[in-house]
Amino acid sequence: MAEDSLLVREGVRLLLAAEPDLVLSGVFGDGESLLAGVDADRPDVVLTDIRMPPTHTDEGIRAADRLARSHPGLGVLVLSQHLDPGYVVRLFAGGGAGRPPARQRVPVSWAAAAG
């Protein structure tokens, strides 16, 4: 999981840690650390923010693009508080697949299992 905000990162980490069927292999504060962690641990799924250090622009999207090329079959879930549709367009243009955000809450364990 990669998220630059300590508060959000720790909150999500605690939520994921409470799920008995999920193993959190790494928690990172930037895209480069995420890439190194994925190379080292080979997780099934990555959860990443869109905007992270050092530029706080699109490090998460760039990490998702690199991971799609270097780790075929790896699931990447991108979360963001930003409503800019340009981020979604870039993810799909890079070969991403998925669904638009739902207006309902989905338990993390269901979302990970359904992936």
PDB file of N, CA and C in Angstrom:
ATOM      1  N   MET A   1       0.842  -1.169   0.000  1.00  0.00           N
ATOM      2  CA  MET A   1       0.000   0.000   0.000  1.00  0.00           C
ATOM      3  C   MET A   1       0.887   1.232   0.000  1.00  0.00           C
ATOM      4  N   ALA A   2       0.524   2.217  -0.798  1.00  0.00           N
ATOM      5  CA  ALA A   2       1.269   3.469  -0.846  1.00  0.00           C
ATOM      6  C   ALA A   2       0.321   4.651  -0.666  1.00  0.00           C
ATOM      7  N   GLU A   3       0.661   5.493   0.293  1.00  0.00           N
ATOM      8  CA  GLU A   3      -0.126   6.697   0.595  1.00  0.00           C
ATOM      9  C   GLU A   3       0.808   7.653   1.312  1.00  0.00           C
ATOM     10  N   ASP A   4       0.866   8.896   0.872  1.00  0.00           N
ATOM     11  CA  ASP A   4       1.793   9.840   1.482  1.00  0.00           C
ATOM     12  C   ASP A   4       1.291  10.446   2.782  1.00  0.00           C
ATOM     13  N   SER A   5       0.000  10.532   2.968  1.00  0.00           N
ATOM     14  CA  SER A   5      -0.549  11.094   4.199  1.00  0.00           C
ATOM     15  C   SER A   5      -0.449  10.056   5.321  1.00  0.00           C
ATOM     16  N   LEU A   6       0.295  10.388   6.364  1.00  0.00           N
ATOM     17  CA  LEU A   6       0.477   9.456   7.476  1.00  0.00           C
ATOM     18  C   LEU A   6      -0.856   9.059   8.095  1.00  0.00           C
ATOM     19  N   LEU A   7      -1.746  10.016   8.277  1.00  0.00           N
ATOM     20  CA  LEU A   7      -3.035   9.735   8.895  1.00  0.00           C
ATOM     21  C   LEU A   7      -3.845   8.747   8.048  1.00  0.00           C
ATOM     22  N   VAL A   8      -3.941   8.995   6.764  1.00  0.00           N
ATOM     23  CA  VAL A   8      -4.687   8.099   5.866  1.00  0.00           C
ATOM     24  C   VAL A   8      -3.981   6.750   5.774  1.00  0.00           C
ATOM     25  N   ARG A   9      -2.664   6.781   5.612  1.00  0.00           N
ATOM     26  CA  ARG A   9      -1.889   5.541   5.483  1.00  0.00           C
ATOM     27  C   ARG A   9      -2.098   4.639   6.697  1.00  0.00           C
ATOM     28  N   GLU A  10      -1.996   5.193   7.897  1.00  0.00           N
ATOM     29  CA  GLU A  10      -2.154   4.384   9.105  1.00  0.00           C
ATOM     30  C   GLU A  10      -3.605   3.934   9.291  1.00  0.00           C
ATOM     31  N   GLY A  11      -4.552   4.783   8.922  1.00  0.00           N
ATOM     32  CA  GLY A  11      -5.956   4.384   9.018  1.00  0.00           C
ATOM     33  C   GLY A  11      -6.276   3.217   8.104  1.00  0.00           C
ATOM     34  N   VAL A  12      -5.822   3.289   6.869  1.00  0.00           N
ATOM     35  CA  VAL A  12      -6.054   2.197   5.919  1.00  0.00           C
ATOM     36  C   VAL A  12      -5.292   0.949   6.363  1.00  0.00           C
ATOM     37  N   ARG A  13      -4.070   1.130   6.860  1.00  0.00           N
ATOM     38  CA  ARG A  13      -3.293  -0.013   7.346  1.00  0.00           C
ATOM     39  C   ARG A  13      -4.041  -0.733   8.454  1.00  0.00           C
ATOM     40  N   LEU A  14      -4.610   0.009   9.403  1.00  0.00           N
ATOM     41  CA  LEU A  14      -5.363  -0.601  10.493  1.00  0.00           C
ATOM     42  C   LEU A  14      -6.608  -1.322   9.988  1.00  0.00           C
ATOM     43  N   LEU A  15      -7.294  -0.723   9.019  1.00  0.00           N
ATOM     44  CA  LEU A  15      -8.471  -1.388   8.450  1.00  0.00           C
ATOM     45  C   LEU A  15      -8.092  -2.697   7.763  1.00  0.00           C
ATOM     46  N   LEU A  16      -7.022  -2.670   6.999  1.00  0.00           N
ATOM     47  CA  LEU A  16      -6.590  -3.882   6.300  1.00  0.00           C
ATOM     48  C   LEU A  16      -6.075  -4.930   7.277  1.00  0.00           C
ATOM     49  N   ALA A  17      -5.380  -4.504   8.317  1.00  0.00           N
ATOM     50  CA  ALA A  17      -4.848  -5.441   9.307  1.00  0.00           C
ATOM     51  C   ALA A  17      -5.966  -6.163  10.058  1.00  0.00           C
ATOM     52  N   ALA A  18      -7.137  -5.551  10.129  1.00  0.00           N
ATOM     53  CA  ALA A  18      -8.268  -6.163  10.825  1.00  0.00           C
ATOM     54  C   ALA A  18      -8.945  -7.255  10.000  1.00  0.00           C
ATOM     55  N   GLU A  19      -8.585  -7.370   8.743  1.00  0.00           N
ATOM     56  CA  GLU A  19      -9.168  -8.387   7.869  1.00  0.00           C
ATOM     57  C   GLU A  19      -8.322  -9.661   7.932  1.00  0.00           C
ATOM     58  N   PRO A  20      -8.865 -10.745   8.479  1.00  0.00           N
ATOM     59  CA  PRO A  20      -8.055 -11.951   8.679  1.00  0.00           C
ATOM     60  C   PRO A  20      -7.570 -12.615   7.388  1.00  0.00           C
ATOM     61  N   ASP A  21      -8.240 -12.384   6.284  1.00  0.00           N
ATOM     62  CA  ASP A  21      -7.855 -13.027   5.027  1.00  0.00           C
ATOM     63  C   ASP A  21      -6.876 -12.204   4.199  1.00  0.00           C
ATOM     64  N   LEU A  22      -6.484 -11.037   4.693  1.00  0.00           N
ATOM     65  CA  LEU A  22      -5.555 -10.173   3.963  1.00  0.00           C
ATOM     66  C   LEU A  22      -4.211 -10.107   4.683  1.00  0.00           C
ATOM     67  N   VAL A  23      -3.145 -10.124   3.904  1.00  0.00           N
ATOM     68  CA  VAL A  23      -1.804  -9.944   4.445  1.00  0.00           C
ATOM     69  C   VAL A  23      -1.232  -8.687   3.823  1.00  0.00           C
ATOM     70  N   LEU A  24      -0.885  -7.738   4.649  1.00  0.00           N
ATOM     71  CA  LEU A  24      -0.311  -6.475   4.177  1.00  0.00           C
ATOM     72  C   LEU A  24       1.202  -6.641   4.178  1.00  0.00           C
ATOM     73  N   SER A  25       1.788  -6.709   2.993  1.00  0.00           N
ATOM     74  CA  SER A  25       3.219  -6.996   2.903  1.00  0.00           C
ATOM     75  C   SER A  25       4.099  -5.756   2.994  1.00  0.00           C
ATOM     76  N   GLY A  26       3.530  -4.577   2.790  1.00  0.00           N
ATOM     77  CA  GLY A  26       4.337  -3.377   2.884  1.00  0.00           C
ATOM     78  C   GLY A  26       3.497  -2.124   2.867  1.00  0.00           C
ATOM     79  N   VAL A  27       3.989  -1.096   3.535  1.00  0.00           N
ATOM     80  CA  VAL A  27       3.320   0.202   3.592  1.00  0.00           C
ATOM     81  C   VAL A  27       4.370   1.254   3.245  1.00  0.00           C
ATOM     82  N   PHE A  28       4.056   2.085   2.242  1.00  0.00           N
ATOM     83  CA  PHE A  28       5.033   3.024   1.709  1.00  0.00           C
ATOM     84  C   PHE A  28       4.447   4.420   1.601  1.00  0.00           C
ATOM     85  N   GLY A  29       5.311   5.419   1.671  1.00  0.00           N
ATOM     86  CA  GLY A  29       4.883   6.806   1.604  1.00  0.00           C
ATOM     87  C   GLY A  29       5.130   7.476   0.274  1.00  0.00           C
ATOM     88  N   ASP A  30       5.700   6.736  -0.702  1.00  0.00           N
ATOM     89  CA  ASP A  30       5.954   7.325  -2.020  1.00  0.00           C
ATOM     90  C   ASP A  30       5.999   6.227  -3.076  1.00  0.00           C
ATOM     91  N   GLY A  31       5.932   6.638  -4.324  1.00  0.00           N
ATOM     92  CA  GLY A  31       5.861   5.704  -5.439  1.00  0.00           C
ATOM     93  C   GLY A  31       7.115   4.873  -5.644  1.00  0.00           C
ATOM     94  N   GLU A  32       8.288   5.468  -5.474  1.00  0.00           N
ATOM     95  CA  GLU A  32       9.532   4.719  -5.668  1.00  0.00           C
ATOM     96  C   GLU A  32       9.667   3.599  -4.645  1.00  0.00           C
ATOM     97  N   SER A  33       9.320   3.882  -3.395  1.00  0.00           N
ATOM     98  CA  SER A  33       9.358   2.842  -2.360  1.00  0.00           C
ATOM     99  C   SER A  33       8.354   1.744  -2.662  1.00  0.00           C
ATOM    100  N   LEU A  34       7.191   2.132  -3.176  1.00  0.00           N
ATOM    101  CA  LEU A  34       6.188   1.140  -3.566  1.00  0.00           C
ATOM    102  C   LEU A  34       6.746   0.206  -4.633  1.00  0.00           C
ATOM    103  N   LEU A  35       7.358   0.760  -5.660  1.00  0.00           N
ATOM    104  CA  LEU A  35       7.902  -0.064  -6.742  1.00  0.00           C
ATOM    105  C   LEU A  35       8.951  -1.042  -6.216  1.00  0.00           C
ATOM    106  N   ALA A  36       9.826  -0.565  -5.353  1.00  0.00           N
ATOM    107  CA  ALA A  36      10.856  -1.438  -4.773  1.00  0.00           C
ATOM    108  C   ALA A  36      10.220  -2.524  -3.910  1.00  0.00           C
ATOM    109  N   GLY A  37       9.191  -2.166  -3.150  1.00  0.00           N
ATOM    110  CA  GLY A  37       8.508  -3.143  -2.306  1.00  0.00           C
ATOM    111  C   GLY A  37       7.796  -4.215  -3.108  1.00  0.00           C
ATOM    112  N   VAL A  38       7.178  -3.831  -4.214  1.00  0.00           N
ATOM    113  CA  VAL A  38       6.502  -4.810  -5.074  1.00  0.00           C
ATOM    114  C   VAL A  38       7.534  -5.748  -5.700  1.00  0.00           C
ATOM    115  N   ASP A  39       8.655  -5.208  -6.137  1.00  0.00           N
ATOM    116  CA  ASP A  39       9.712  -6.059  -6.686  1.00  0.00           C
ATOM    117  C   ASP A  39      10.200  -7.070  -5.660  1.00  0.00           C
ATOM    118  N   ALA A  40      10.303  -6.646  -4.406  1.00  0.00           N
ATOM    119  CA  ALA A  40      10.831  -7.514  -3.354  1.00  0.00           C
ATOM    120  C   ALA A  40       9.810  -8.535  -2.856  1.00  0.00           C
ATOM    121  N   ASP A  41       8.550  -8.122  -2.703  1.00  0.00           N
ATOM    122  CA  ASP A  41       7.554  -8.979  -2.051  1.00  0.00           C
ATOM    123  C   ASP A  41       6.585  -9.684  -2.984  1.00  0.00           C
ATOM    124  N   ARG A  42       6.432  -9.197  -4.208  1.00  0.00           N
ATOM    125  CA  ARG A  42       5.518  -9.799  -5.197  1.00  0.00           C
ATOM    126  C   ARG A  42       4.103 -10.014  -4.663  1.00  0.00           C
ATOM    127  N   PRO A  43       3.421  -8.940  -4.244  1.00  0.00           N
ATOM    128  CA  PRO A  43       2.044  -9.091  -3.745  1.00  0.00           C
ATOM    129  C   PRO A  43       1.075  -9.409  -4.881  1.00  0.00           C
ATOM    130  N   ASP A  44      -0.131  -9.784  -4.524  1.00  0.00           N
ATOM    131  CA  ASP A  44      -1.188 -10.045  -5.504  1.00  0.00           C
ATOM    132  C   ASP A  44      -1.880  -8.759  -5.927  1.00  0.00           C
ATOM    133  N   VAL A  45      -1.972  -7.807  -4.989  1.00  0.00           N
ATOM    134  CA  VAL A  45      -2.707  -6.557  -5.207  1.00  0.00           C
ATOM    135  C   VAL A  45      -1.921  -5.406  -4.592  1.00  0.00           C
ATOM    136  N   VAL A  46      -1.967  -4.258  -5.258  1.00  0.00           N
ATOM    137  CA  VAL A  46      -1.359  -3.028  -4.748  1.00  0.00           C
ATOM    138  C   VAL A  46      -2.466  -1.994  -4.594  1.00  0.00           C
ATOM    139  N   LEU A  47      -2.424  -1.292  -3.490  1.00  0.00           N
ATOM    140  CA  LEU A  47      -3.329  -0.175  -3.231  1.00  0.00           C
ATOM    141  C   LEU A  47      -2.469   1.076  -3.202  1.00  0.00           C
ATOM    142  N   THR A  48      -2.775   2.041  -4.068  1.00  0.00           N
ATOM    143  CA  THR A  48      -1.942   3.242  -4.131  1.00  0.00           C
ATOM    144  C   THR A  48      -2.770   4.511  -4.269  1.00  0.00           C
ATOM    145  N   ASP A  49      -2.209   5.563  -3.746  1.00  0.00           N
ATOM    146  CA  ASP A  49      -2.751   6.911  -3.921  1.00  0.00           C
ATOM    147  C   ASP A  49      -2.303   7.409  -5.289  1.00  0.00           C
ATOM    148  N   ILE A  50      -2.924   8.458  -5.788  1.00  0.00           N
ATOM    149  CA  ILE A  50      -2.522   9.027  -7.077  1.00  0.00           C
ATOM    150  C   ILE A  50      -1.373  10.010  -6.902  1.00  0.00           C
ATOM    151  N   ARG A  51      -1.509  10.934  -5.974  1.00  0.00           N
ATOM    152  CA  ARG A  51      -0.515  12.011  -5.814  1.00  0.00           C
ATOM    153  C   ARG A  51       0.331  11.749  -4.577  1.00  0.00           C
ATOM    154  N   MET A  52       1.650  11.597  -4.802  1.00  0.00           N
ATOM    155  CA  MET A  52       2.587  11.315  -3.720  1.00  0.00           C
ATOM    156  C   MET A  52       3.891  12.067  -3.961  1.00  0.00           C
ATOM    157  N   PRO A  53       4.783  12.062  -2.958  1.00  0.00           N
ATOM    158  CA  PRO A  53       6.090  12.702  -3.153  1.00  0.00           C
ATOM    159  C   PRO A  53       6.872  12.031  -4.270  1.00  0.00           C
ATOM    160  N   PRO A  54       7.774  12.734  -4.907  1.00  0.00           N
ATOM    161  CA  PRO A  54       8.272  14.045  -4.499  1.00  0.00           C
ATOM    162  C   PRO A  54       7.505  15.211  -5.103  1.00  0.00           C
ATOM    163  N   THR A  55       6.770  15.025  -6.201  1.00  0.00           N
ATOM    164  CA  THR A  55       6.123  16.169  -6.852  1.00  0.00           C
ATOM    165  C   THR A  55       4.658  16.348  -6.474  1.00  0.00           C
ATOM    166  N   HIS A  56       4.065  15.333  -5.883  1.00  0.00           N
ATOM    167  CA  HIS A  56       2.641  15.363  -5.506  1.00  0.00           C
ATOM    168  C   HIS A  56       1.744  15.636  -6.713  1.00  0.00           C
ATOM    169  N   THR A  57       2.089  15.046  -7.840  1.00  0.00           N
ATOM    170  CA  THR A  57       1.267  15.217  -9.043  1.00  0.00           C
ATOM    171  C   THR A  57       0.659  13.897  -9.484  1.00  0.00           C
ATOM    172  N   ASP A  58       1.464  12.980  -9.997  1.00  0.00           N
ATOM    173  CA  ASP A  58       0.905  11.761 -10.567  1.00  0.00           C
ATOM    174  C   ASP A  58       1.763  10.518 -10.308  1.00  0.00           C
ATOM    175  N   GLU A  59       2.511  10.525  -9.219  1.00  0.00           N
ATOM    176  CA  GLU A  59       3.410   9.405  -8.937  1.00  0.00           C
ATOM    177  C   GLU A  59       2.677   8.069  -8.860  1.00  0.00           C
ATOM    178  N   GLY A  60       1.474   8.059  -8.316  1.00  0.00           N
ATOM    179  CA  GLY A  60       0.709   6.814  -8.223  1.00  0.00           C
ATOM    180  C   GLY A  60       0.290   6.281  -9.582  1.00  0.00           C
ATOM    181  N   ILE A  61      -0.075   7.175 -10.488  1.00  0.00           N
ATOM    182  CA  ILE A  61      -0.438   6.748 -11.849  1.00  0.00           C
ATOM    183  C   ILE A  61       0.794   6.206 -12.568  1.00  0.00           C
ATOM    184  N   ARG A  62       1.910   6.899 -12.418  1.00  0.00           N
ATOM    185  CA  ARG A  62       3.138   6.415 -13.058  1.00  0.00           C
ATOM    186  C   ARG A  62       3.566   5.071 -12.476  1.00  0.00           C
ATOM    187  N   ALA A  63       3.404   4.904 -11.168  1.00  0.00           N
ATOM    188  CA  ALA A  63       3.728   3.615 -10.546  1.00  0.00           C
ATOM    189  C   ALA A  63       2.796   2.524 -11.070  1.00  0.00           C
ATOM    190  N   ALA A  64       1.504   2.832 -11.197  1.00  0.00           N
ATOM    191  CA  ALA A  64       0.545   1.850 -11.725  1.00  0.00           C
ATOM    192  C   ALA A  64       0.908   1.450 -13.149  1.00  0.00           C
ATOM    193  N   ASP A  65       1.286   2.413 -13.975  1.00  0.00           N
ATOM    194  CA  ASP A  65       1.705   2.108 -15.355  1.00  0.00           C
ATOM    195  C   ASP A  65       2.934   1.203 -15.373  1.00  0.00           C
ATOM    196  N   ARG A  66       3.934   1.534 -14.558  1.00  0.00           N
ATOM    197  CA  ARG A  66       5.149   0.714 -14.511  1.00  0.00           C
ATOM    198  C   ARG A  66       4.850  -0.687 -13.993  1.00  0.00           C
ATOM    199  N   LEU A  67       4.007  -0.784 -12.979  1.00  0.00           N
ATOM    200  CA  LEU A  67       3.670  -2.097 -12.425  1.00  0.00           C
ATOM    201  C   LEU A  67       2.900  -2.946 -13.423  1.00  0.00           C
ATOM    202  N   ALA A  68       2.039  -2.317 -14.213  1.00  0.00           N
ATOM    203  CA  ALA A  68       1.284  -3.070 -15.227  1.00  0.00           C
ATOM    204  C   ALA A  68       2.224  -3.696 -16.246  1.00  0.00           C
ATOM    205  N   ARG A  69       3.300  -2.987 -16.582  1.00  0.00           N
ATOM    206  CA  ARG A  69       4.274  -3.525 -17.542  1.00  0.00           C
ATOM    207  C   ARG A  69       5.223  -4.538 -16.911  1.00  0.00           C
ATOM    208  N   SER A  70       5.671  -4.267 -15.690  1.00  0.00           N
ATOM    209  CA  SER A  70       6.690  -5.123 -15.071  1.00  0.00           C
ATOM    210  C   SER A  70       6.118  -6.311 -14.309  1.00  0.00           C
ATOM    211  N   HIS A  71       4.842  -6.250 -13.950  1.00  0.00           N
ATOM    212  CA  HIS A  71       4.216  -7.318 -13.166  1.00  0.00           C
ATOM    213  C   HIS A  71       2.828  -7.640 -13.735  1.00  0.00           C
ATOM    214  N   PRO A  72       2.777  -8.263 -14.915  1.00  0.00           N
ATOM    215  CA  PRO A  72       1.473  -8.609 -15.498  1.00  0.00           C
ATOM    216  C   PRO A  72       0.673  -9.478 -14.522  1.00  0.00           C
ATOM    217  N   GLY A  73      -0.596  -9.205 -14.428  1.00  0.00           N
ATOM    218  CA  GLY A  73      -1.446  -9.967 -13.529  1.00  0.00           C
ATOM    219  C   GLY A  73      -1.576  -9.371 -12.143  1.00  0.00           C
ATOM    220  N   LEU A  74      -0.736  -8.397 -11.823  1.00  0.00           N
ATOM    221  CA  LEU A  74      -0.828  -7.726 -10.532  1.00  0.00           C
ATOM    222  C   LEU A  74      -2.052  -6.823 -10.523  1.00  0.00           C
ATOM    223  N   GLY A  75      -2.884  -6.942  -9.517  1.00  0.00           N
ATOM    224  CA  GLY A  75      -4.027  -6.051  -9.373  1.00  0.00           C
ATOM    225  C   GLY A  75      -3.582  -4.736  -8.768  1.00  0.00           C
ATOM    226  N   VAL A  76      -4.034  -3.627  -9.327  1.00  0.00           N
ATOM    227  CA  VAL A  76      -3.700  -2.310  -8.784  1.00  0.00           C
ATOM    228  C   VAL A  76      -4.996  -1.554  -8.533  1.00  0.00           C
ATOM    229  N   LEU A  77      -5.200  -1.192  -7.284  1.00  0.00           N
ATOM    230  CA  LEU A  77      -6.359  -0.413  -6.890  1.00  0.00           C
ATOM    231  C   LEU A  77      -5.863   0.986  -6.557  1.00  0.00           C
ATOM    232  N   VAL A  78      -6.388   1.988  -7.269  1.00  0.00           N
ATOM    233  CA  VAL A  78      -5.956   3.368  -7.080  1.00  0.00           C
ATOM    234  C   VAL A  78      -7.059   4.125  -6.361  1.00  0.00           C
ATOM    235  N   LEU A  79      -6.694   4.740  -5.251  1.00  0.00           N
ATOM    236  CA  LEU A  79      -7.637   5.540  -4.477  1.00  0.00           C
ATOM    237  C   LEU A  79      -7.182   6.984  -4.472  1.00  0.00           C
ATOM    238  N   SER A  80      -8.147   7.891  -4.472  1.00  0.00           N
ATOM    239  CA  SER A  80      -7.800   9.293  -4.399  1.00  0.00           C
ATOM    240  C   SER A  80      -8.975  10.107  -3.907  1.00  0.00           C
ATOM    241  N   GLN A  81      -8.663  11.200  -3.267  1.00  0.00           N
ATOM    242  CA  GLN A  81      -9.696  12.144  -2.855  1.00  0.00           C
ATOM    243  C   GLN A  81      -9.937  13.189  -3.939  1.00  0.00           C
ATOM    244  N   HIS A  82      -9.129  13.160  -4.983  1.00  0.00           N
ATOM    245  CA  HIS A  82      -9.216  14.157  -6.043  1.00  0.00           C
ATOM    246  C   HIS A  82     -10.249  13.746  -7.080  1.00  0.00           C
ATOM    247  N   LEU A  83     -11.070  14.680  -7.487  1.00  0.00           N
ATOM    248  CA  LEU A  83     -12.159  14.404  -8.419  1.00  0.00           C
ATOM    249  C   LEU A  83     -11.803  14.699  -9.866  1.00  0.00           C
ATOM    250  N   ASP A  84     -10.558  14.864 -10.162  1.00  0.00           N
ATOM    251  CA  ASP A  84     -10.118  15.191 -11.515  1.00  0.00           C
ATOM    252  C   ASP A  84     -10.266  13.964 -12.418  1.00  0.00           C
ATOM    253  N   PRO A  85     -11.186  13.987 -13.385  1.00  0.00           N
ATOM    254  CA  PRO A  85     -11.368  12.822 -14.260  1.00  0.00           C
ATOM    255  C   PRO A  85     -10.156  12.541 -15.146  1.00  0.00           C
ATOM    256  N   GLY A  86      -9.265  13.508 -15.284  1.00  0.00           N
ATOM    257  CA  GLY A  86      -8.058  13.298 -16.070  1.00  0.00           C
ATOM    258  C   GLY A  86      -7.201  12.168 -15.526  1.00  0.00           C
ATOM    259  N   TYR A  87      -7.213  11.975 -14.209  1.00  0.00           N
ATOM    260  CA  TYR A  87      -6.453  10.873 -13.617  1.00  0.00           C
ATOM    261  C   TYR A  87      -7.001   9.522 -14.090  1.00  0.00           C
ATOM    262  N   VAL A  88      -8.312   9.395 -14.103  1.00  0.00           N
ATOM    263  CA  VAL A  88      -8.936   8.140 -14.538  1.00  0.00           C
ATOM    264  C   VAL A  88      -8.662   7.896 -16.015  1.00  0.00           C
ATOM    265  N   VAL A  89      -8.780   8.934 -16.807  1.00  0.00           N
ATOM    266  CA  VAL A  89      -8.514   8.819 -18.242  1.00  0.00           C
ATOM    267  C   VAL A  89      -7.085   8.336 -18.463  1.00  0.00           C
ATOM    268  N   ARG A  90      -6.130   8.894 -17.736  1.00  0.00           N
ATOM    269  CA  ARG A  90      -4.726   8.468 -17.884  1.00  0.00           C
ATOM    270  C   ARG A  90      -4.532   7.013 -17.485  1.00  0.00           C
ATOM    271  N   LEU A  91      -5.196   6.591 -16.412  1.00  0.00           N
ATOM    272  CA  LEU A  91      -5.066   5.194 -15.990  1.00  0.00           C
ATOM    273  C   LEU A  91      -5.590   4.247 -17.066  1.00  0.00           C
ATOM    274  N   PHE A  92      -6.739   4.559 -17.623  1.00  0.00           N
ATOM    275  CA  PHE A  92      -7.317   3.691 -18.658  1.00  0.00           C
ATOM    276  C   PHE A  92      -6.533   3.781 -19.957  1.00  0.00           C
ATOM    277  N   ALA A  93      -5.991   4.939 -20.264  1.00  0.00           N
ATOM    278  CA  ALA A  93      -5.184   5.080 -21.480  1.00  0.00           C
ATOM    279  C   ALA A  93      -3.918   4.239 -21.384  1.00  0.00           C
ATOM    280  N   GLY A  94      -3.431   4.029 -20.165  1.00  0.00           N
ATOM    281  CA  GLY A  94      -2.242   3.214 -19.953  1.00  0.00           C
ATOM    282  C   GLY A  94      -2.532   1.730 -19.914  1.00  0.00           C
ATOM    283  N   GLY A  95      -3.765   1.343 -20.214  1.00  0.00           N
ATOM    284  CA  GLY A  95      -4.107  -0.075 -20.235  1.00  0.00           C
ATOM    285  C   GLY A  95      -4.880  -0.536 -19.016  1.00  0.00           C
ATOM    286  N   GLY A  96      -5.232   0.382 -18.141  1.00  0.00           N
ATOM    287  CA  GLY A  96      -5.987   0.010 -16.944  1.00  0.00           C
ATOM    288  C   GLY A  96      -7.388  -0.454 -17.300  1.00  0.00           C
ATOM    289  N   ALA A  97      -7.935  -1.271 -16.443  1.00  0.00           N
ATOM    290  CA  ALA A  97      -9.303  -1.759 -16.611  1.00  0.00           C
ATOM    291  C   ALA A  97      -9.992  -1.655 -15.271  1.00  0.00           C
ATOM    292  N   GLY A  98     -11.261  -1.454 -15.282  1.00  0.00           N
ATOM    293  CA  GLY A  98     -11.963  -1.361 -14.013  1.00  0.00           C
ATOM    294  C   GLY A  98     -13.341  -0.785 -14.189  1.00  0.00           C
ATOM    295  N   ARG A  99     -13.852  -0.308 -13.092  1.00  0.00           N
ATOM    296  CA  ARG A  99     -15.199   0.243 -13.066  1.00  0.00           C
ATOM    297  C   ARG A  99     -15.147   1.642 -12.495  1.00  0.00           C
ATOM    298  N   PRO A 100     -16.085   2.481 -12.891  1.00  0.00           N
ATOM    299  CA  PRO A 100     -16.145   3.804 -12.275  1.00  0.00           C
ATOM    300  C   PRO A 100     -16.490   3.679 -10.801  1.00  0.00           C
ATOM    301  N   PRO A 101     -16.159   4.670 -10.004  1.00  0.00           N
ATOM    302  CA  PRO A 101     -16.439   4.591  -8.571  1.00  0.00           C
ATOM    303  C   PRO A 101     -17.917   4.382  -8.298  1.00  0.00           C
ATOM    304  N   ALA A 102     -18.214   3.490  -7.376  1.00  0.00           N
ATOM    305  CA  ALA A 102     -19.590   3.223  -6.973  1.00  0.00           C
ATOM    306  C   ALA A 102     -19.993   4.233  -5.903  1.00  0.00           C
ATOM    307  N   ARG A 103     -21.264   4.450  -5.766  1.00  0.00           N
ATOM    308  CA  ARG A 103     -21.755   5.369  -4.737  1.00  0.00           C
ATOM    309  C   ARG A 103     -22.098   4.616  -3.450  1.00  0.00           C
ATOM    310  N   GLN A 104     -21.620   3.400  -3.330  1.00  0.00           N
ATOM    311  CA  GLN A 104     -21.880   2.627  -2.123  1.00  0.00           C
ATOM    312  C   GLN A 104     -20.565   2.136  -1.539  1.00  0.00           C
ATOM    313  N   ARG A 105     -20.587   1.812  -0.268  1.00  0.00           N
ATOM    314  CA  ARG A 105     -19.388   1.291   0.370  1.00  0.00           C
ATOM    315  C   ARG A 105     -19.296  -0.209   0.125  1.00  0.00           C
ATOM    316  N   VAL A 106     -18.097  -0.672  -0.169  1.00  0.00           N
ATOM    317  CA  VAL A 106     -17.843  -2.090  -0.383  1.00  0.00           C
ATOM    318  C   VAL A 106     -16.812  -2.519   0.644  1.00  0.00           C
ATOM    319  N   PRO A 107     -17.104  -3.543   1.453  1.00  0.00           N
ATOM    320  CA  PRO A 107     -16.122  -3.999   2.423  1.00  0.00           C
ATOM    321  C   PRO A 107     -14.812  -4.368   1.731  1.00  0.00           C
ATOM    322  N   VAL A 108     -13.687  -4.023   2.374  1.00  0.00           N
ATOM    323  CA  VAL A 108     -12.378  -4.283   1.782  1.00  0.00           C
ATOM    324  C   VAL A 108     -12.198  -5.752   1.472  1.00  0.00           C
ATOM    325  N   SER A 109     -12.632  -6.638   2.358  1.00  0.00           N
ATOM    326  CA  SER A 109     -12.427  -8.074   2.110  1.00  0.00           C
ATOM    327  C   SER A 109     -13.180  -8.529   0.883  1.00  0.00           C
ATOM    328  N   TRP A 110     -14.362  -7.987   0.639  1.00  0.00           N
ATOM    329  CA  TRP A 110     -15.113  -8.359  -0.570  1.00  0.00           C
ATOM    330  C   TRP A 110     -14.429  -7.812  -1.797  1.00  0.00           C
ATOM    331  N   ALA A 111     -13.982  -6.571  -1.737  1.00  0.00           N
ATOM    332  CA  ALA A 111     -13.336  -5.962  -2.915  1.00  0.00           C
ATOM    333  C   ALA A 111     -12.067  -6.706  -3.276  1.00  0.00           C
ATOM    334  N   ALA A 112     -11.274  -7.117  -2.285  1.00  0.00           N
ATOM    335  CA  ALA A 112     -10.039  -7.835  -2.564  1.00  0.00           C
ATOM    336  C   ALA A 112     -10.325  -9.223  -3.112  1.00  0.00           C
ATOM    337  N   ALA A 113     -11.344  -9.892  -2.590  1.00  0.00           N
ATOM    338  CA  ALA A 113     -11.673 -11.240  -3.032  1.00  0.00           C
ATOM    339  C   ALA A 113     -12.275 -11.215  -4.440  1.00  0.00           C
ATOM    340  N   ALA A 114     -13.026 -10.168  -4.742  1.00  0.00           N
ATOM    341  CA  ALA A 114     -13.688 -10.089  -6.050  1.00  0.00           C
ATOM    342  C   ALA A 114     -12.722  -9.720  -7.149  1.00  0.00           C
ATOM    343  N   GLY A 115     -11.594  -9.056  -6.796  1.00  0.00           N
ATOM    344  CA  GLY A 115     -10.628  -8.537  -7.740  1.00  0.00           C
ATOM    345  C   GLY A 115     -10.338  -9.438  -8.847  1.00  0.00           C
TER     346      GLY A 115
END
